[in-house]
């Protein structure tokens, strides 16, 4: 699995690519849209911004996958949104939008997971992980 340092380096490189190309590149990955998510740290209270893929929309909600590349641990951003669900989201370099994040209910996950797994990345991640990978729905506040 990718180390915490590896995740941070990948995210910094992704952000640098987006900035260096003035937003022309970096807003799609693996055939999916990319967004910036700012959370509040569950322990530190500090604001943290990460770039994530968003494989689908469900009505007005953006669906995020707390996969951590198939690792058996949840990503830090997932723990942060569970503790502090008010987040900020930016799509394609647009304006920041205040949003609310919540973990999908078991019924929602069951309905949405087949659509998420249509992207080869997430299907493989779930097969590698011993945990059930949560879906997070991000909706306007």
N, C-alpha and C. Protein backbone atom coordinates (compact mmCIF):
# COMPACT_ATOMS: atom_id res chain seq x y z
N UNK A 1 0.82 -1.19 0.00
CA UNK A 1 0.00 0.00 0.00
C UNK A 1 0.87 1.25 0.00
N UNK A 2 0.28 2.35 -0.39
CA UNK A 2 0.98 3.62 -0.43
C UNK A 2 1.10 4.17 0.99
N UNK A 3 2.27 4.69 1.33
CA UNK A 3 2.48 5.27 2.66
C UNK A 3 1.80 6.63 2.76
N UNK A 4 1.69 7.12 3.98
CA UNK A 4 1.11 8.45 4.20
C UNK A 4 1.95 9.50 3.47
N UNK A 5 3.26 9.35 3.53
CA UNK A 5 4.15 10.27 2.82
C UNK A 5 3.91 10.20 1.31
N UNK A 6 3.68 8.98 0.81
CA UNK A 6 3.40 8.80 -0.61
C UNK A 6 2.11 9.49 -1.04
N UNK A 7 1.07 9.35 -0.22
CA UNK A 7 -0.21 10.03 -0.52
C UNK A 7 -0.02 11.54 -0.56
N UNK A 8 0.72 12.06 0.43
CA UNK A 8 0.93 13.51 0.48
C UNK A 8 1.75 13.99 -0.71
N UNK A 9 2.75 13.22 -1.11
CA UNK A 9 3.57 13.59 -2.27
C UNK A 9 2.75 13.55 -3.55
N UNK A 10 1.93 12.53 -3.70
CA UNK A 10 1.07 12.43 -4.88
C UNK A 10 0.10 13.60 -4.95
N UNK A 11 -0.49 13.96 -3.81
CA UNK A 11 -1.43 15.07 -3.78
C UNK A 11 -0.73 16.38 -4.09
N UNK A 12 0.47 16.59 -3.55
CA UNK A 12 1.23 17.81 -3.81
C UNK A 12 1.61 17.90 -5.29
N UNK A 13 2.00 16.78 -5.89
CA UNK A 13 2.34 16.76 -7.31
C UNK A 13 1.12 17.07 -8.16
N UNK A 14 -0.01 16.50 -7.80
CA UNK A 14 -1.26 16.74 -8.53
C UNK A 14 -1.61 18.23 -8.48
N UNK A 15 -1.51 18.80 -7.29
CA UNK A 15 -1.82 20.22 -7.10
C UNK A 15 -0.84 21.10 -7.91
N UNK A 16 0.43 20.72 -7.92
CA UNK A 16 1.45 21.46 -8.67
C UNK A 16 1.15 21.41 -10.18
N UNK A 17 0.75 20.25 -10.68
CA UNK A 17 0.38 20.12 -12.10
C UNK A 17 -0.77 21.05 -12.44
N UNK A 18 -1.78 21.06 -11.58
CA UNK A 18 -2.94 21.91 -11.82
C UNK A 18 -2.55 23.38 -11.82
N UNK A 19 -1.70 23.76 -10.86
CA UNK A 19 -1.27 25.16 -10.77
C UNK A 19 -0.36 25.54 -11.94
N UNK A 20 0.58 24.66 -12.29
CA UNK A 20 1.54 24.96 -13.37
C UNK A 20 0.85 25.11 -14.72
N UNK A 21 -0.26 24.40 -14.92
CA UNK A 21 -0.97 24.48 -16.20
C UNK A 21 -2.14 25.46 -16.14
N UNK A 22 -2.18 26.25 -15.06
CA UNK A 22 -3.26 27.21 -14.83
C UNK A 22 -4.64 26.57 -14.96
N UNK A 23 -4.74 25.35 -14.43
CA UNK A 23 -6.01 24.66 -14.39
C UNK A 23 -6.40 23.93 -15.66
N UNK A 24 -5.53 23.93 -16.67
CA UNK A 24 -5.87 23.20 -17.91
C UNK A 24 -5.79 21.69 -17.70
N UNK A 25 -4.90 21.26 -16.79
CA UNK A 25 -4.74 19.84 -16.50
C UNK A 25 -4.98 19.59 -15.02
N UNK A 26 -5.33 18.36 -14.69
CA UNK A 26 -5.45 17.97 -13.30
C UNK A 26 -6.86 17.85 -12.77
N UNK A 27 -7.84 18.23 -13.57
CA UNK A 27 -9.22 18.16 -13.08
C UNK A 27 -9.94 16.88 -13.51
N UNK A 28 -9.19 15.95 -14.09
CA UNK A 28 -9.71 14.61 -14.39
C UNK A 28 -8.60 13.62 -14.09
N UNK A 29 -8.99 12.47 -13.56
CA UNK A 29 -8.02 11.40 -13.29
C UNK A 29 -8.76 10.07 -13.39
N UNK A 30 -8.17 9.12 -14.09
CA UNK A 30 -8.82 7.82 -14.24
C UNK A 30 -10.19 7.91 -14.88
N UNK A 31 -10.39 8.94 -15.73
CA UNK A 31 -11.68 9.13 -16.39
C UNK A 31 -12.74 9.76 -15.51
N UNK A 32 -12.34 10.22 -14.32
CA UNK A 32 -13.30 10.81 -13.38
C UNK A 32 -12.96 12.27 -13.10
N UNK A 33 -13.98 13.07 -12.75
CA UNK A 33 -13.71 14.44 -12.33
C UNK A 33 -12.92 14.45 -11.01
N UNK A 34 -12.11 15.48 -10.85
CA UNK A 34 -11.34 15.69 -9.62
C UNK A 34 -11.88 16.95 -8.95
N UNK A 35 -11.91 16.92 -7.63
CA UNK A 35 -12.32 18.11 -6.87
C UNK A 35 -11.33 18.32 -5.73
N UNK A 36 -11.39 19.51 -5.16
CA UNK A 36 -10.61 19.80 -3.96
C UNK A 36 -11.58 19.78 -2.78
N UNK A 37 -11.20 19.09 -1.73
CA UNK A 37 -12.01 18.96 -0.52
C UNK A 37 -11.20 19.52 0.65
N UNK A 38 -11.79 20.48 1.36
CA UNK A 38 -11.15 21.01 2.56
C UNK A 38 -11.95 20.55 3.77
N UNK A 39 -11.25 19.89 4.68
CA UNK A 39 -11.85 19.37 5.90
C UNK A 39 -11.20 20.04 7.11
N UNK A 40 -11.81 19.83 8.26
CA UNK A 40 -11.23 20.26 9.52
C UNK A 40 -10.71 19.03 10.24
N UNK A 41 -9.44 19.06 10.64
CA UNK A 41 -8.83 17.91 11.30
C UNK A 41 -9.55 17.52 12.57
N UNK A 42 -9.77 16.25 12.73
CA UNK A 42 -10.53 15.77 13.89
C UNK A 42 -9.79 15.97 15.19
N UNK A 43 -8.47 15.94 15.16
CA UNK A 43 -7.69 16.14 16.38
C UNK A 43 -7.07 17.53 16.43
N UNK A 44 -6.53 17.98 15.30
CA UNK A 44 -5.79 19.25 15.30
C UNK A 44 -6.70 20.47 15.18
N UNK A 45 -7.84 20.30 14.52
CA UNK A 45 -8.70 21.45 14.24
C UNK A 45 -8.20 22.28 13.08
N UNK A 46 -7.07 21.89 12.48
CA UNK A 46 -6.52 22.61 11.33
C UNK A 46 -7.28 22.24 10.06
N UNK A 47 -7.27 23.16 9.10
CA UNK A 47 -7.90 22.92 7.81
C UNK A 47 -6.92 22.15 6.92
N UNK A 48 -7.44 21.14 6.22
CA UNK A 48 -6.64 20.31 5.32
C UNK A 48 -7.34 20.22 3.97
N UNK A 49 -6.60 20.41 2.88
CA UNK A 49 -7.17 20.33 1.54
C UNK A 49 -6.51 19.19 0.79
N UNK A 50 -7.35 18.39 0.13
CA UNK A 50 -6.88 17.25 -0.64
C UNK A 50 -7.63 17.21 -1.97
N UNK A 51 -6.99 16.69 -2.98
CA UNK A 51 -7.65 16.50 -4.28
C UNK A 51 -8.12 15.05 -4.35
N UNK A 52 -9.38 14.86 -4.72
CA UNK A 52 -9.99 13.53 -4.79
C UNK A 52 -10.77 13.37 -6.08
N UNK A 53 -10.87 12.14 -6.54
CA UNK A 53 -11.76 11.87 -7.67
C UNK A 53 -13.18 11.73 -7.13
N UNK A 54 -14.12 12.04 -7.99
CA UNK A 54 -15.54 11.88 -7.64
C UNK A 54 -16.21 11.11 -8.77
N UNK A 55 -16.36 9.79 -8.59
CA UNK A 55 -16.80 8.94 -9.69
C UNK A 55 -18.22 9.17 -10.17
N UNK A 56 -19.09 9.73 -9.31
CA UNK A 56 -20.46 9.95 -9.77
C UNK A 56 -21.18 10.95 -8.89
N UNK A 57 -22.32 11.36 -9.40
CA UNK A 57 -23.24 12.23 -8.66
C UNK A 57 -24.50 11.43 -8.39
N UNK A 58 -25.12 11.74 -7.28
CA UNK A 58 -26.40 11.11 -6.94
C UNK A 58 -27.36 12.23 -6.60
N UNK A 59 -28.15 12.63 -7.58
CA UNK A 59 -28.98 13.82 -7.42
C UNK A 59 -28.07 15.02 -7.25
N UNK A 60 -28.24 15.79 -6.18
CA UNK A 60 -27.40 16.94 -5.93
C UNK A 60 -26.14 16.62 -5.13
N UNK A 61 -25.95 15.35 -4.78
CA UNK A 61 -24.79 14.96 -3.96
C UNK A 61 -23.63 14.50 -4.83
N UNK A 62 -22.43 14.87 -4.40
CA UNK A 62 -21.20 14.37 -4.99
C UNK A 62 -20.80 13.14 -4.20
N UNK A 63 -20.51 12.04 -4.89
CA UNK A 63 -20.14 10.80 -4.21
C UNK A 63 -18.62 10.70 -4.17
N UNK A 64 -18.07 10.56 -2.96
CA UNK A 64 -16.64 10.35 -2.75
C UNK A 64 -16.44 8.94 -2.20
N UNK A 65 -15.31 8.34 -2.53
CA UNK A 65 -15.02 6.98 -2.12
C UNK A 65 -13.84 7.01 -1.15
N UNK A 66 -14.06 6.56 0.07
CA UNK A 66 -13.01 6.57 1.09
C UNK A 66 -12.15 5.32 0.96
N UNK A 67 -11.49 5.18 -0.18
CA UNK A 67 -10.81 3.93 -0.51
C UNK A 67 -9.39 3.84 0.01
N UNK A 68 -8.69 4.95 0.07
CA UNK A 68 -7.25 4.96 0.41
C UNK A 68 -6.51 3.92 -0.44
N UNK A 69 -6.88 3.86 -1.71
CA UNK A 69 -6.26 2.96 -2.69
C UNK A 69 -6.36 1.48 -2.29
N UNK A 70 -7.43 1.12 -1.58
CA UNK A 70 -7.62 -0.27 -1.21
C UNK A 70 -6.94 -0.68 0.08
N UNK A 71 -6.39 0.28 0.80
CA UNK A 71 -5.75 -0.01 2.08
C UNK A 71 -6.81 -0.47 3.09
N UNK A 72 -6.37 -1.15 4.13
CA UNK A 72 -7.30 -1.61 5.16
C UNK A 72 -7.62 -0.53 6.19
N UNK A 73 -7.05 0.66 6.03
CA UNK A 73 -7.36 1.78 6.92
C UNK A 73 -8.12 2.85 6.16
N UNK A 74 -9.00 3.54 6.87
CA UNK A 74 -9.71 4.66 6.27
C UNK A 74 -8.75 5.82 6.04
N UNK A 75 -8.99 6.63 5.01
CA UNK A 75 -8.15 7.81 4.80
C UNK A 75 -8.42 8.86 5.88
N UNK A 76 -7.43 9.70 6.13
CA UNK A 76 -7.57 10.76 7.14
C UNK A 76 -8.77 11.65 6.84
N UNK A 77 -8.98 12.00 5.56
CA UNK A 77 -10.08 12.90 5.24
C UNK A 77 -11.43 12.31 5.66
N UNK A 78 -11.54 10.98 5.60
CA UNK A 78 -12.79 10.32 6.02
C UNK A 78 -13.02 10.51 7.52
N UNK A 79 -11.99 10.29 8.31
CA UNK A 79 -12.11 10.51 9.76
C UNK A 79 -12.47 11.97 10.04
N UNK A 80 -11.87 12.89 9.27
CA UNK A 80 -12.15 14.31 9.48
C UNK A 80 -13.62 14.64 9.19
N UNK A 81 -14.17 14.13 8.09
CA UNK A 81 -15.56 14.47 7.77
C UNK A 81 -16.54 13.80 8.74
N UNK A 82 -16.16 12.66 9.30
CA UNK A 82 -17.02 12.03 10.31
C UNK A 82 -17.07 12.90 11.57
N UNK A 83 -15.94 13.51 11.93
CA UNK A 83 -15.88 14.35 13.12
C UNK A 83 -16.43 15.75 12.87
N UNK A 84 -16.15 16.29 11.67
CA UNK A 84 -16.55 17.67 11.32
C UNK A 84 -17.13 17.63 9.90
N UNK A 85 -18.43 17.39 9.77
CA UNK A 85 -19.01 17.18 8.43
C UNK A 85 -19.15 18.43 7.57
N UNK A 86 -18.99 19.62 8.12
CA UNK A 86 -19.03 20.81 7.28
C UNK A 86 -17.69 20.98 6.58
N UNK A 87 -17.72 20.95 5.25
CA UNK A 87 -16.52 20.98 4.42
C UNK A 87 -16.67 22.06 3.36
N UNK A 88 -15.59 22.31 2.65
CA UNK A 88 -15.62 23.19 1.48
C UNK A 88 -15.14 22.39 0.28
N UNK A 89 -15.78 22.60 -0.87
CA UNK A 89 -15.46 21.86 -2.09
C UNK A 89 -15.26 22.85 -3.22
N UNK A 90 -14.27 22.54 -4.06
CA UNK A 90 -14.02 23.35 -5.26
C UNK A 90 -13.94 22.42 -6.45
N UNK A 91 -14.74 22.72 -7.47
CA UNK A 91 -14.79 21.93 -8.69
C UNK A 91 -14.08 22.67 -9.81
N UNK A 92 -13.21 21.99 -10.52
CA UNK A 92 -12.49 22.55 -11.68
C UNK A 92 -11.94 23.95 -11.43
N UNK A 93 -11.43 24.20 -10.25
CA UNK A 93 -10.82 25.48 -9.97
C UNK A 93 -11.80 26.62 -9.80
N UNK A 94 -13.07 26.31 -9.68
CA UNK A 94 -14.09 27.34 -9.50
C UNK A 94 -14.09 27.88 -8.08
N UNK A 95 -15.18 28.50 -7.71
CA UNK A 95 -15.30 29.06 -6.36
C UNK A 95 -15.50 27.94 -5.34
N UNK A 96 -15.01 28.18 -4.13
CA UNK A 96 -15.22 27.23 -3.03
C UNK A 96 -16.69 27.26 -2.65
N UNK A 97 -17.25 26.08 -2.39
CA UNK A 97 -18.65 25.94 -2.00
C UNK A 97 -18.73 25.29 -0.63
N UNK A 98 -19.47 25.91 0.31
CA UNK A 98 -19.67 25.26 1.60
C UNK A 98 -20.61 24.07 1.42
N UNK A 99 -20.20 22.91 1.93
CA UNK A 99 -21.00 21.70 1.76
C UNK A 99 -21.01 20.90 3.05
N UNK A 100 -21.86 19.91 3.08
CA UNK A 100 -22.00 19.02 4.24
C UNK A 100 -21.72 17.59 3.76
N UNK A 101 -20.86 16.89 4.48
CA UNK A 101 -20.51 15.51 4.12
C UNK A 101 -21.15 14.55 5.10
N UNK A 102 -21.61 13.43 4.57
CA UNK A 102 -22.15 12.39 5.43
C UNK A 102 -21.85 11.03 4.81
N UNK A 103 -21.69 10.05 5.67
CA UNK A 103 -21.44 8.69 5.20
C UNK A 103 -22.75 8.13 4.65
N UNK A 104 -22.67 7.49 3.49
CA UNK A 104 -23.86 6.88 2.90
C UNK A 104 -24.40 5.80 3.83
N UNK A 105 -25.70 5.72 3.90
CA UNK A 105 -26.34 4.65 4.68
C UNK A 105 -26.03 3.32 4.00
N UNK A 106 -26.17 2.21 4.72
CA UNK A 106 -25.96 0.90 4.07
C UNK A 106 -26.82 0.72 2.80
N UNK A 107 -28.07 1.19 2.84
CA UNK A 107 -28.94 1.05 1.67
C UNK A 107 -28.42 1.92 0.51
N UNK A 108 -27.98 3.14 0.81
CA UNK A 108 -27.43 4.00 -0.24
C UNK A 108 -26.17 3.39 -0.82
N UNK A 109 -25.29 2.87 0.05
CA UNK A 109 -24.05 2.27 -0.45
C UNK A 109 -24.36 1.08 -1.35
N UNK A 110 -25.30 0.25 -0.93
CA UNK A 110 -25.68 -0.92 -1.73
C UNK A 110 -26.19 -0.50 -3.10
N UNK A 111 -26.94 0.59 -3.15
CA UNK A 111 -27.48 1.09 -4.42
C UNK A 111 -26.39 1.74 -5.28
N UNK A 112 -25.46 2.47 -4.65
CA UNK A 112 -24.46 3.24 -5.39
C UNK A 112 -23.20 2.45 -5.74
N UNK A 113 -22.83 1.47 -4.90
CA UNK A 113 -21.55 0.80 -5.10
C UNK A 113 -21.41 0.18 -6.50
N UNK A 114 -22.42 -0.49 -7.05
CA UNK A 114 -22.24 -1.05 -8.40
C UNK A 114 -21.86 0.02 -9.44
N UNK A 115 -22.39 1.23 -9.30
CA UNK A 115 -22.04 2.30 -10.23
C UNK A 115 -20.61 2.78 -9.98
N UNK A 116 -20.21 2.84 -8.73
CA UNK A 116 -18.83 3.23 -8.39
C UNK A 116 -17.86 2.17 -8.92
N UNK A 117 -18.19 0.91 -8.74
CA UNK A 117 -17.31 -0.19 -9.14
C UNK A 117 -17.20 -0.32 -10.66
N UNK A 118 -18.05 0.39 -11.41
CA UNK A 118 -17.90 0.40 -12.87
C UNK A 118 -16.56 1.01 -13.28
N UNK A 119 -15.99 1.84 -12.42
CA UNK A 119 -14.65 2.35 -12.69
C UNK A 119 -13.67 1.31 -12.16
N UNK A 120 -12.76 0.88 -12.97
CA UNK A 120 -11.90 -0.25 -12.61
C UNK A 120 -11.10 -0.01 -11.34
N UNK A 121 -10.81 1.24 -11.03
CA UNK A 121 -10.01 1.55 -9.84
C UNK A 121 -10.71 1.06 -8.59
N UNK A 122 -11.94 1.46 -8.40
CA UNK A 122 -12.62 1.18 -7.15
C UNK A 122 -13.00 -0.28 -7.00
N UNK A 123 -13.30 -0.95 -8.10
CA UNK A 123 -13.60 -2.37 -8.03
C UNK A 123 -12.37 -3.11 -7.50
N UNK A 124 -11.20 -2.75 -8.01
CA UNK A 124 -9.95 -3.38 -7.57
C UNK A 124 -9.64 -3.03 -6.12
N UNK A 125 -9.89 -1.78 -5.74
CA UNK A 125 -9.62 -1.37 -4.36
C UNK A 125 -10.43 -2.19 -3.38
N UNK A 126 -11.72 -2.38 -3.63
CA UNK A 126 -12.56 -3.14 -2.71
C UNK A 126 -12.09 -4.58 -2.63
N UNK A 127 -11.66 -5.15 -3.74
CA UNK A 127 -11.19 -6.53 -3.75
C UNK A 127 -9.93 -6.69 -2.89
N UNK A 128 -9.10 -5.64 -2.81
CA UNK A 128 -7.86 -5.69 -2.03
C UNK A 128 -8.08 -5.46 -0.55
N UNK A 129 -9.13 -4.78 -0.19
CA UNK A 129 -9.32 -4.34 1.19
C UNK A 129 -10.14 -5.33 2.01
N UNK A 130 -9.80 -5.46 3.28
CA UNK A 130 -10.58 -6.30 4.19
C UNK A 130 -11.78 -5.54 4.77
N UNK A 131 -11.79 -4.23 4.61
CA UNK A 131 -12.89 -3.42 5.14
C UNK A 131 -13.89 -3.11 4.02
N UNK A 132 -15.08 -2.75 4.40
CA UNK A 132 -16.05 -2.26 3.43
C UNK A 132 -15.69 -0.80 3.20
N UNK A 133 -15.40 -0.44 1.97
CA UNK A 133 -15.00 0.93 1.65
C UNK A 133 -16.24 1.83 1.70
N UNK A 134 -16.21 2.85 2.58
CA UNK A 134 -17.37 3.71 2.70
C UNK A 134 -17.50 4.69 1.53
N UNK A 135 -18.73 5.07 1.27
CA UNK A 135 -19.02 6.15 0.34
C UNK A 135 -19.44 7.35 1.17
N UNK A 136 -19.01 8.52 0.76
CA UNK A 136 -19.36 9.75 1.43
C UNK A 136 -20.13 10.62 0.44
N UNK A 137 -21.29 11.11 0.86
CA UNK A 137 -22.10 11.99 0.04
C UNK A 137 -21.87 13.42 0.51
N UNK A 138 -21.50 14.28 -0.43
CA UNK A 138 -21.23 15.68 -0.12
C UNK A 138 -22.33 16.50 -0.79
N UNK A 139 -23.07 17.24 0.04
CA UNK A 139 -24.25 17.97 -0.44
C UNK A 139 -24.17 19.45 -0.05
N UNK A 140 -24.80 20.31 -0.82
CA UNK A 140 -24.79 21.73 -0.46
C UNK A 140 -25.39 21.96 0.92
N UNK A 141 -24.80 22.92 1.64
CA UNK A 141 -25.35 23.29 2.97
C UNK A 141 -26.53 24.20 2.80
